[in-house]
């Protein structure tokens, strides 16, 4: 098996994050068992300082700069950064929306 232990997930980027990344959606190959935290580390590595500054520390900050949805569910209501990803998952990164 050529891709044993690998999986692919789709990641959608919205608003300011999309501008930094330069794409609306990218498909990433991850290791089986990887978590949302692993994906965040990959994104920080791939997209550099600008992405890292825009993202902040989404799992530590009281008011995170981005939220992660996995298949439409906020990871805060799953297992947070330890939410395990699966083949074909859709992860959406959403920066805060201001209003008032």
PDB file of N, CA and C in Angstrom:
ATOM      1  N   UNK A   1       0.833  -1.172   0.000  1.00  0.00           N
ATOM      2  CA  UNK A   1       0.000   0.000   0.000  1.00  0.00           C
ATOM      3  C   UNK A   1       0.884   1.243   0.000  1.00  0.00           C
ATOM      4  N   UNK A   2       0.713   2.067  -0.989  1.00  0.00           N
ATOM      5  CA  UNK A   2       1.565   3.227  -1.182  1.00  0.00           C
ATOM      6  C   UNK A   2       1.361   4.311  -0.132  1.00  0.00           C
ATOM      7  N   UNK A   3       0.114   4.614   0.223  1.00  0.00           N
ATOM      8  CA  UNK A   3      -0.181   5.689   1.155  1.00  0.00           C
ATOM      9  C   UNK A   3      -0.626   5.174   2.521  1.00  0.00           C
ATOM     10  N   UNK A   4      -0.119   4.034   2.937  1.00  0.00           N
ATOM     11  CA  UNK A   4      -0.498   3.489   4.239  1.00  0.00           C
ATOM     12  C   UNK A   4      -0.135   4.491   5.322  1.00  0.00           C
ATOM     13  N   UNK A   5      -1.068   4.703   6.228  1.00  0.00           N
ATOM     14  CA  UNK A   5      -0.813   5.627   7.311  1.00  0.00           C
ATOM     15  C   UNK A   5      -1.006   7.083   6.947  1.00  0.00           C
ATOM     16  N   UNK A   6      -1.544   7.337   5.759  1.00  0.00           N
ATOM     17  CA  UNK A   6      -1.769   8.715   5.309  1.00  0.00           C
ATOM     18  C   UNK A   6      -3.256   8.953   5.101  1.00  0.00           C
ATOM     19  N   UNK A   7      -3.644  10.216   5.164  1.00  0.00           N
ATOM     20  CA  UNK A   7      -5.029  10.597   4.877  1.00  0.00           C
ATOM     21  C   UNK A   7      -5.010  11.994   4.274  1.00  0.00           C
ATOM     22  N   UNK A   8      -6.097  12.341   3.615  1.00  0.00           N
ATOM     23  CA  UNK A   8      -6.220  13.676   3.037  1.00  0.00           C
ATOM     24  C   UNK A   8      -7.428  14.370   3.644  1.00  0.00           C
ATOM     25  N   UNK A   9      -7.221  15.644   4.001  1.00  0.00           N
ATOM     26  CA  UNK A   9      -8.307  16.474   4.514  1.00  0.00           C
ATOM     27  C   UNK A   9      -8.329  17.767   3.710  1.00  0.00           C
ATOM     28  N   UNK A  10      -9.510  18.331   3.570  1.00  0.00           N
ATOM     29  CA  UNK A  10      -9.662  19.613   2.889  1.00  0.00           C
ATOM     30  C   UNK A  10      -9.733  20.706   3.940  1.00  0.00           C
ATOM     31  N   UNK A  11      -9.014  21.796   3.688  1.00  0.00           N
ATOM     32  CA  UNK A  11      -9.008  22.922   4.612  1.00  0.00           C
ATOM     33  C   UNK A  11      -9.471  24.161   3.859  1.00  0.00           C
ATOM     34  N   UNK A  12     -10.530  24.799   4.378  1.00  0.00           N
ATOM     35  CA  UNK A  12     -11.049  26.044   3.804  1.00  0.00           C
ATOM     36  C   UNK A  12     -10.589  27.209   4.666  1.00  0.00           C
ATOM     37  N   UNK A  13     -10.207  28.270   3.980  1.00  0.00           N
ATOM     38  CA  UNK A  13      -9.730  29.475   4.652  1.00  0.00           C
ATOM     39  C   UNK A  13     -10.690  30.612   4.339  1.00  0.00           C
ATOM     40  N   UNK A  14     -11.129  31.328   5.365  1.00  0.00           N
ATOM     41  CA  UNK A  14     -12.074  32.418   5.170  1.00  0.00           C
ATOM     42  C   UNK A  14     -11.434  33.761   5.504  1.00  0.00           C
ATOM     43  N   UNK A  15     -11.945  34.807   4.870  1.00  0.00           N
ATOM     44  CA  UNK A  15     -11.613  36.208   5.150  1.00  0.00           C
ATOM     45  C   UNK A  15     -10.106  36.462   5.142  1.00  0.00           C
ATOM     46  N   UNK A  16      -9.583  37.082   6.203  1.00  0.00           N
ATOM     47  CA  UNK A  16      -8.176  37.497   6.235  1.00  0.00           C
ATOM     48  C   UNK A  16      -7.219  36.310   6.145  1.00  0.00           C
ATOM     49  N   UNK A  17      -7.610  35.164   6.668  1.00  0.00           N
ATOM     50  CA  UNK A  17      -6.751  33.975   6.592  1.00  0.00           C
ATOM     51  C   UNK A  17      -6.595  33.547   5.133  1.00  0.00           C
ATOM     52  N   UNK A  18      -7.665  33.632   4.357  1.00  0.00           N
ATOM     53  CA  UNK A  18      -7.610  33.279   2.933  1.00  0.00           C
ATOM     54  C   UNK A  18      -6.616  34.186   2.213  1.00  0.00           C
ATOM     55  N   UNK A  19      -6.594  35.475   2.558  1.00  0.00           N
ATOM     56  CA  UNK A  19      -5.668  36.411   1.917  1.00  0.00           C
ATOM     57  C   UNK A  19      -4.219  36.038   2.214  1.00  0.00           C
ATOM     58  N   UNK A  20      -3.937  35.623   3.428  1.00  0.00           N
ATOM     59  CA  UNK A  20      -2.575  35.233   3.808  1.00  0.00           C
ATOM     60  C   UNK A  20      -2.156  33.967   3.074  1.00  0.00           C
ATOM     61  N   UNK A  21      -3.054  32.995   3.028  1.00  0.00           N
ATOM     62  CA  UNK A  21      -2.759  31.693   2.431  1.00  0.00           C
ATOM     63  C   UNK A  21      -2.750  31.774   0.903  1.00  0.00           C
ATOM     64  N   UNK A  22      -3.590  32.652   0.350  1.00  0.00           N
ATOM     65  CA  UNK A  22      -3.654  32.810  -1.099  1.00  0.00           C
ATOM     66  C   UNK A  22      -4.544  31.794  -1.782  1.00  0.00           C
ATOM     67  N   UNK A  23      -5.409  31.147  -1.019  1.00  0.00           N
ATOM     68  CA  UNK A  23      -6.324  30.155  -1.597  1.00  0.00           C
ATOM     69  C   UNK A  23      -7.553  30.035  -0.704  1.00  0.00           C
ATOM     70  N   UNK A  24      -8.655  29.656  -1.326  1.00  0.00           N
ATOM     71  CA  UNK A  24      -9.897  29.446  -0.576  1.00  0.00           C
ATOM     72  C   UNK A  24      -9.899  28.065   0.084  1.00  0.00           C
ATOM     73  N   UNK A  25      -9.331  27.079  -0.611  1.00  0.00           N
ATOM     74  CA  UNK A  25      -9.343  25.709  -0.091  1.00  0.00           C
ATOM     75  C   UNK A  25      -8.111  24.969  -0.581  1.00  0.00           C
ATOM     76  N   UNK A  26      -7.506  24.197   0.312  1.00  0.00           N
ATOM     77  CA  UNK A  26      -6.335  23.384  -0.020  1.00  0.00           C
ATOM     78  C   UNK A  26      -6.538  22.000   0.581  1.00  0.00           C
ATOM     79  N   UNK A  27      -6.130  20.990  -0.171  1.00  0.00           N
ATOM     80  CA  UNK A  27      -6.179  19.605   0.317  1.00  0.00           C
ATOM     81  C   UNK A  27      -4.792  19.245   0.849  1.00  0.00           C
ATOM     82  N   UNK A  28      -4.750  18.768   2.083  1.00  0.00           N
ATOM     83  CA  UNK A  28      -3.486  18.410   2.722  1.00  0.00           C
ATOM     84  C   UNK A  28      -3.430  16.919   2.990  1.00  0.00           C
ATOM     85  N   UNK A  29      -2.237  16.354   2.816  1.00  0.00           N
ATOM     86  CA  UNK A  29      -2.009  14.965   3.201  1.00  0.00           C
ATOM     87  C   UNK A  29      -1.393  14.971   4.596  1.00  0.00           C
ATOM     88  N   UNK A  30      -2.024  14.253   5.492  1.00  0.00           N
ATOM     89  CA  UNK A  30      -1.580  14.162   6.882  1.00  0.00           C
ATOM     90  C   UNK A  30      -1.339  12.705   7.238  1.00  0.00           C
ATOM     91  N   UNK A  31      -0.727  12.496   8.382  1.00  0.00           N
ATOM     92  CA  UNK A  31      -0.568  11.139   8.895  1.00  0.00           C
ATOM     93  C   UNK A  31      -1.858  10.702   9.572  1.00  0.00           C
ATOM     94  N   UNK A  32      -2.211   9.449   9.414  1.00  0.00           N
ATOM     95  CA  UNK A  32      -3.386   8.922  10.114  1.00  0.00           C
ATOM     96  C   UNK A  32      -3.217   9.177  11.602  1.00  0.00           C
ATOM     97  N   UNK A  33      -4.291   9.614  12.235  1.00  0.00           N
ATOM     98  CA  UNK A  33      -4.244   9.904  13.660  1.00  0.00           C
ATOM     99  C   UNK A  33      -3.864  11.336  13.991  1.00  0.00           C
ATOM    100  N   UNK A  34      -3.498  12.132  12.971  1.00  0.00           N
ATOM    101  CA  UNK A  34      -3.163  13.533  13.230  1.00  0.00           C
ATOM    102  C   UNK A  34      -4.375  14.275  13.781  1.00  0.00           C
ATOM    103  N   UNK A  35      -4.094  15.297  14.562  1.00  0.00           N
ATOM    104  CA  UNK A  35      -5.131  16.084  15.227  1.00  0.00           C
ATOM    105  C   UNK A  35      -5.197  17.495  14.640  1.00  0.00           C
ATOM    106  N   UNK A  36      -6.163  18.255  15.115  1.00  0.00           N
ATOM    107  CA  UNK A  36      -6.278  19.660  14.713  1.00  0.00           C
ATOM    108  C   UNK A  36      -4.996  20.408  15.091  1.00  0.00           C
ATOM    109  N   UNK A  37      -4.417  20.088  16.230  1.00  0.00           N
ATOM    110  CA  UNK A  37      -3.158  20.721  16.651  1.00  0.00           C
ATOM    111  C   UNK A  37      -2.046  20.417  15.649  1.00  0.00           C
ATOM    112  N   UNK A  38      -1.967  19.185  15.171  1.00  0.00           N
ATOM    113  CA  UNK A  38      -0.962  18.825  14.166  1.00  0.00           C
ATOM    114  C   UNK A  38      -1.174  19.629  12.888  1.00  0.00           C
ATOM    115  N   UNK A  39      -2.434  19.790  12.497  1.00  0.00           N
ATOM    116  CA  UNK A  39      -2.752  20.574  11.302  1.00  0.00           C
ATOM    117  C   UNK A  39      -2.327  22.021  11.501  1.00  0.00           C
ATOM    118  N   UNK A  40      -2.606  22.602  12.663  1.00  0.00           N
ATOM    119  CA  UNK A  40      -2.202  23.981  12.938  1.00  0.00           C
ATOM    120  C   UNK A  40      -0.687  24.124  12.814  1.00  0.00           C
ATOM    121  N   UNK A  41       0.066  23.183  13.349  1.00  0.00           N
ATOM    122  CA  UNK A  41       1.530  23.233  13.258  1.00  0.00           C
ATOM    123  C   UNK A  41       1.988  23.160  11.808  1.00  0.00           C
ATOM    124  N   UNK A  42       1.336  22.329  11.000  1.00  0.00           N
ATOM    125  CA  UNK A  42       1.658  22.241   9.575  1.00  0.00           C
ATOM    126  C   UNK A  42       1.380  23.571   8.881  1.00  0.00           C
ATOM    127  N   UNK A  43       0.236  24.175   9.172  1.00  0.00           N
ATOM    128  CA  UNK A  43      -0.128  25.449   8.551  1.00  0.00           C
ATOM    129  C   UNK A  43       0.853  26.549   8.947  1.00  0.00           C
ATOM    130  N   UNK A  44       1.246  26.587  10.214  1.00  0.00           N
ATOM    131  CA  UNK A  44       2.223  27.584  10.666  1.00  0.00           C
ATOM    132  C   UNK A  44       3.554  27.393   9.957  1.00  0.00           C
ATOM    133  N   UNK A  45       3.958  26.155   9.784  1.00  0.00           N
ATOM    134  CA  UNK A  45       5.212  25.856   9.102  1.00  0.00           C
ATOM    135  C   UNK A  45       5.145  26.237   7.622  1.00  0.00           C
ATOM    136  N   UNK A  46       4.044  25.908   6.991  1.00  0.00           N
ATOM    137  CA  UNK A  46       3.913  26.141   5.547  1.00  0.00           C
ATOM    138  C   UNK A  46       3.712  27.614   5.197  1.00  0.00           C
ATOM    139  N   UNK A  47       2.936  28.341   6.009  1.00  0.00           N
ATOM    140  CA  UNK A  47       2.571  29.709   5.648  1.00  0.00           C
ATOM    141  C   UNK A  47       3.294  30.778   6.464  1.00  0.00           C
ATOM    142  N   UNK A  48       4.166  30.373   7.363  1.00  0.00           N
ATOM    143  CA  UNK A  48       5.100  31.286   7.995  1.00  0.00           C
ATOM    144  C   UNK A  48       4.557  32.246   9.030  1.00  0.00           C
ATOM    145  N   UNK A  49       5.383  33.268   9.264  1.00  0.00           N
ATOM    146  CA  UNK A  49       5.154  34.227  10.336  1.00  0.00           C
ATOM    147  C   UNK A  49       3.820  34.951  10.191  1.00  0.00           C
ATOM    148  N   UNK A  50       3.468  35.358   8.986  1.00  0.00           N
ATOM    149  CA  UNK A  50       2.221  36.104   8.801  1.00  0.00           C
ATOM    150  C   UNK A  50       1.014  35.269   9.244  1.00  0.00           C
ATOM    151  N   UNK A  51       1.008  33.988   8.868  1.00  0.00           N
ATOM    152  CA  UNK A  51      -0.083  33.108   9.289  1.00  0.00           C
ATOM    153  C   UNK A  51      -0.061  32.935  10.806  1.00  0.00           C
ATOM    154  N   UNK A  52       1.126  32.693  11.345  1.00  0.00           N
ATOM    155  CA  UNK A  52       1.258  32.446  12.786  1.00  0.00           C
ATOM    156  C   UNK A  52       0.772  33.651  13.591  1.00  0.00           C
ATOM    157  N   UNK A  53       1.120  34.860  13.138  1.00  0.00           N
ATOM    158  CA  UNK A  53       0.669  36.066  13.831  1.00  0.00           C
ATOM    159  C   UNK A  53      -0.844  36.232  13.716  1.00  0.00           C
ATOM    160  N   UNK A  54      -1.391  35.940  12.551  1.00  0.00           N
ATOM    161  CA  UNK A  54      -2.840  36.065  12.351  1.00  0.00           C
ATOM    162  C   UNK A  54      -3.603  35.034  13.183  1.00  0.00           C
ATOM    163  N   UNK A  55      -3.033  33.839  13.310  1.00  0.00           N
ATOM    164  CA  UNK A  55      -3.702  32.761  14.046  1.00  0.00           C
ATOM    165  C   UNK A  55      -3.595  32.946  15.554  1.00  0.00           C
ATOM    166  N   UNK A  56      -2.500  33.530  16.008  1.00  0.00           N
ATOM    167  CA  UNK A  56      -2.282  33.642  17.451  1.00  0.00           C
ATOM    168  C   UNK A  56      -2.149  32.256  18.067  1.00  0.00           C
ATOM    169  N   UNK A  57      -2.714  32.082  19.240  1.00  0.00           N
ATOM    170  CA  UNK A  57      -2.713  30.784  19.930  1.00  0.00           C
ATOM    171  C   UNK A  57      -4.170  30.381  20.135  1.00  0.00           C
ATOM    172  N   UNK A  58      -4.782  29.810  19.092  1.00  0.00           N
ATOM    173  CA  UNK A  58      -6.230  29.583  19.132  1.00  0.00           C
ATOM    174  C   UNK A  58      -6.723  28.658  20.236  1.00  0.00           C
ATOM    175  N   UNK A  59      -5.838  27.850  20.797  1.00  0.00           N
ATOM    176  CA  UNK A  59      -6.287  26.926  21.835  1.00  0.00           C
ATOM    177  C   UNK A  59      -5.854  27.373  23.228  1.00  0.00           C
ATOM    178  N   UNK A  60      -5.204  28.530  23.297  1.00  0.00           N
ATOM    179  CA  UNK A  60      -4.766  29.067  24.584  1.00  0.00           C
ATOM    180  C   UNK A  60      -5.395  30.423  24.879  1.00  0.00           C
ATOM    181  N   UNK A  61      -5.607  31.232  23.842  1.00  0.00           N
ATOM    182  CA  UNK A  61      -6.150  32.578  24.028  1.00  0.00           C
ATOM    183  C   UNK A  61      -7.604  32.535  24.475  1.00  0.00           C
ATOM    184  N   UNK A  62      -7.963  33.457  25.368  1.00  0.00           N
ATOM    185  CA  UNK A  62      -9.353  33.549  25.826  1.00  0.00           C
ATOM    186  C   UNK A  62     -10.279  33.943  24.675  1.00  0.00           C
ATOM    187  N   UNK A  63      -9.796  34.858  23.837  1.00  0.00           N
ATOM    188  CA  UNK A  63     -10.545  35.279  22.646  1.00  0.00           C
ATOM    189  C   UNK A  63      -9.712  34.931  21.419  1.00  0.00           C
ATOM    190  N   UNK A  64      -9.818  33.705  20.928  1.00  0.00           N
ATOM    191  CA  UNK A  64      -8.951  33.260  19.832  1.00  0.00           C
ATOM    192  C   UNK A  64      -9.149  34.071  18.556  1.00  0.00           C
ATOM    193  N   UNK A  65      -8.059  34.192  17.801  1.00  0.00           N
ATOM    194  CA  UNK A  65      -8.092  34.924  16.537  1.00  0.00           C
ATOM    195  C   UNK A  65      -8.668  34.092  15.402  1.00  0.00           C
ATOM    196  N   UNK A  66      -8.625  32.792  15.547  1.00  0.00           N
ATOM    197  CA  UNK A  66      -9.278  31.911  14.569  1.00  0.00           C
ATOM    198  C   UNK A  66      -9.975  30.781  15.313  1.00  0.00           C
ATOM    199  N   UNK A  67     -10.999  30.258  14.672  1.00  0.00           N
ATOM    200  CA  UNK A  67     -11.719  29.091  15.199  1.00  0.00           C
ATOM    201  C   UNK A  67     -11.593  27.984  14.161  1.00  0.00           C
ATOM    202  N   UNK A  68     -11.586  26.768  14.635  1.00  0.00           N
ATOM    203  CA  UNK A  68     -11.523  25.603  13.763  1.00  0.00           C
ATOM    204  C   UNK A  68     -12.859  24.875  13.807  1.00  0.00           C
ATOM    205  N   UNK A  69     -13.427  24.637  12.649  1.00  0.00           N
ATOM    206  CA  UNK A  69     -14.607  23.786  12.532  1.00  0.00           C
ATOM    207  C   UNK A  69     -14.183  22.525  11.795  1.00  0.00           C
ATOM    208  N   UNK A  70     -14.605  21.383  12.291  1.00  0.00           N
ATOM    209  CA  UNK A  70     -14.373  20.110  11.601  1.00  0.00           C
ATOM    210  C   UNK A  70     -15.732  19.559  11.230  1.00  0.00           C
ATOM    211  N   UNK A  71     -15.960  19.445   9.942  1.00  0.00           N
ATOM    212  CA  UNK A  71     -17.249  18.976   9.421  1.00  0.00           C
ATOM    213  C   UNK A  71     -18.414  19.759  10.034  1.00  0.00           C
ATOM    214  N   UNK A  72     -18.214  21.086  10.138  1.00  0.00           N
ATOM    215  CA  UNK A  72     -19.274  21.967  10.615  1.00  0.00           C
ATOM    216  C   UNK A  72     -19.395  22.097  12.120  1.00  0.00           C
ATOM    217  N   UNK A  73     -18.542  21.416  12.873  1.00  0.00           N
ATOM    218  CA  UNK A  73     -18.621  21.471  14.344  1.00  0.00           C
ATOM    219  C   UNK A  73     -17.385  22.154  14.913  1.00  0.00           C
ATOM    220  N   UNK A  74     -17.606  23.129  15.782  1.00  0.00           N
ATOM    221  CA  UNK A  74     -16.514  23.843  16.437  1.00  0.00           C
ATOM    222  C   UNK A  74     -15.737  22.840  17.294  1.00  0.00           C
ATOM    223  N   UNK A  75     -14.411  22.814  17.135  1.00  0.00           N
ATOM    224  CA  UNK A  75     -13.616  21.833  17.882  1.00  0.00           C
ATOM    225  C   UNK A  75     -13.684  22.062  19.390  1.00  0.00           C
ATOM    226  N   UNK A  76     -14.084  23.271  19.813  1.00  0.00           N
ATOM    227  CA  UNK A  76     -14.252  23.510  21.254  1.00  0.00           C
ATOM    228  C   UNK A  76     -15.319  22.592  21.843  1.00  0.00           C
ATOM    229  N   UNK A  77     -16.231  22.126  21.003  1.00  0.00           N
ATOM    230  CA  UNK A  77     -17.294  21.228  21.462  1.00  0.00           C
ATOM    231  C   UNK A  77     -16.964  19.767  21.152  1.00  0.00           C
ATOM    232  N   UNK A  78     -15.775  19.535  20.627  1.00  0.00           N
ATOM    233  CA  UNK A  78     -15.301  18.171  20.382  1.00  0.00           C
ATOM    234  C   UNK A  78     -14.184  17.914  21.397  1.00  0.00           C
ATOM    235  N   UNK A  79     -12.970  17.702  20.917  1.00  0.00           N
ATOM    236  CA  UNK A  79     -11.843  17.468  21.831  1.00  0.00           C
ATOM    237  C   UNK A  79     -10.799  18.571  21.718  1.00  0.00           C
ATOM    238  N   UNK A  80     -11.237  19.764  21.306  1.00  0.00           N
ATOM    239  CA  UNK A  80     -10.309  20.888  21.184  1.00  0.00           C
ATOM    240  C   UNK A  80      -9.179  20.565  20.223  1.00  0.00           C
ATOM    241  N   UNK A  81      -7.950  20.961  20.570  1.00  0.00           N
ATOM    242  CA  UNK A  81      -6.822  20.719  19.673  1.00  0.00           C
ATOM    243  C   UNK A  81      -6.513  19.241  19.485  1.00  0.00           C
ATOM    244  N   UNK A  82      -7.000  18.412  20.383  1.00  0.00           N
ATOM    245  CA  UNK A  82      -6.757  16.966  20.279  1.00  0.00           C
ATOM    246  C   UNK A  82      -7.822  16.257  19.440  1.00  0.00           C
ATOM    247  N   UNK A  83      -8.702  17.014  18.798  1.00  0.00           N
ATOM    248  CA  UNK A  83      -9.706  16.422  17.910  1.00  0.00           C
ATOM    249  C   UNK A  83      -8.988  15.706  16.776  1.00  0.00           C
ATOM    250  N   UNK A  84      -9.203  14.414  16.668  1.00  0.00           N
ATOM    251  CA  UNK A  84      -8.541  13.615  15.634  1.00  0.00           C
ATOM    252  C   UNK A  84      -9.235  13.818  14.292  1.00  0.00           C
ATOM    253  N   UNK A  85      -8.422  13.992  13.268  1.00  0.00           N
ATOM    254  CA  UNK A  85      -8.946  14.167  11.916  1.00  0.00           C
ATOM    255  C   UNK A  85      -9.018  12.820  11.214  1.00  0.00           C
ATOM    256  N   UNK A  86      -9.931  12.747  10.233  1.00  0.00           N
ATOM    257  CA  UNK A  86     -10.129  11.506   9.475  1.00  0.00           C
ATOM    258  C   UNK A  86     -10.117  11.810   7.989  1.00  0.00           C
ATOM    259  N   UNK A  87      -9.866  10.798   7.204  1.00  0.00           N
ATOM    260  CA  UNK A  87      -9.869  10.909   5.745  1.00  0.00           C
ATOM    261  C   UNK A  87     -11.126  11.629   5.271  1.00  0.00           C
ATOM    262  N   UNK A  88     -10.926  12.660   4.444  1.00  0.00           N
ATOM    263  CA  UNK A  88     -12.047  13.361   3.835  1.00  0.00           C
ATOM    264  C   UNK A  88     -12.679  14.444   4.686  1.00  0.00           C
ATOM    265  N   UNK A  89     -12.176  14.658   5.912  1.00  0.00           N
ATOM    266  CA  UNK A  89     -12.738  15.715   6.755  1.00  0.00           C
ATOM    267  C   UNK A  89     -12.603  17.073   6.078  1.00  0.00           C
ATOM    268  N   UNK A  90     -13.540  17.961   6.404  1.00  0.00           N
ATOM    269  CA  UNK A  90     -13.480  19.351   5.970  1.00  0.00           C
ATOM    270  C   UNK A  90     -13.222  20.205   7.203  1.00  0.00           C
ATOM    271  N   UNK A  91     -12.091  20.891   7.191  1.00  0.00           N
ATOM    272  CA  UNK A  91     -11.719  21.782   8.287  1.00  0.00           C
ATOM    273  C   UNK A  91     -11.846  23.208   7.772  1.00  0.00           C
ATOM    274  N   UNK A  92     -12.560  24.048   8.510  1.00  0.00           N
ATOM    275  CA  UNK A  92     -12.731  25.448   8.119  1.00  0.00           C
ATOM    276  C   UNK A  92     -12.093  26.322   9.188  1.00  0.00           C
ATOM    277  N   UNK A  93     -11.237  27.259   8.745  1.00  0.00           N
ATOM    278  CA  UNK A  93     -10.619  28.222   9.651  1.00  0.00           C
ATOM    279  C   UNK A  93     -11.360  29.539   9.521  1.00  0.00           C
ATOM    280  N   UNK A  94     -11.906  30.008  10.635  1.00  0.00           N
ATOM    281  CA  UNK A  94     -12.728  31.213  10.630  1.00  0.00           C
ATOM    282  C   UNK A  94     -12.119  32.254  11.562  1.00  0.00           C
ATOM    283  N   UNK A  95     -11.720  33.404  11.007  1.00  0.00           N
ATOM    284  CA  UNK A  95     -11.282  34.492  11.886  1.00  0.00           C
ATOM    285  C   UNK A  95     -12.501  35.148  12.528  1.00  0.00           C
ATOM    286  N   UNK A  96     -12.307  35.913  13.600  1.00  0.00           N
ATOM    287  CA  UNK A  96     -13.458  36.539  14.255  1.00  0.00           C
ATOM    288  C   UNK A  96     -14.156  37.526  13.327  1.00  0.00           C
ATOM    289  N   UNK A  97     -15.439  37.634  13.520  1.00  0.00           N
ATOM    290  CA  UNK A  97     -16.236  38.576  12.747  1.00  0.00           C
ATOM    291  C   UNK A  97     -16.665  39.677  13.701  1.00  0.00           C
ATOM    292  N   UNK A  98     -16.291  40.902  13.366  1.00  0.00           N
ATOM    293  CA  UNK A  98     -16.633  42.030  14.229  1.00  0.00           C
ATOM    294  C   UNK A  98     -18.031  42.536  13.942  1.00  0.00           C
ATOM    295  N   UNK A  99     -18.579  43.176  14.887  1.00  0.00           N
ATOM    296  CA  UNK A  99     -19.905  43.751  14.709  1.00  0.00           C
ATOM    297  C   UNK A  99     -20.235  44.627  15.896  1.00  0.00           C
ATOM    298  N   UNK A 100     -21.353  45.247  15.800  1.00  0.00           N
ATOM    299  CA  UNK A 100     -21.669  46.056  16.950  1.00  0.00           C
ATOM    300  C   UNK A 100     -22.849  46.902  16.789  1.00  0.00           C
TER     301      UNK A 100
END
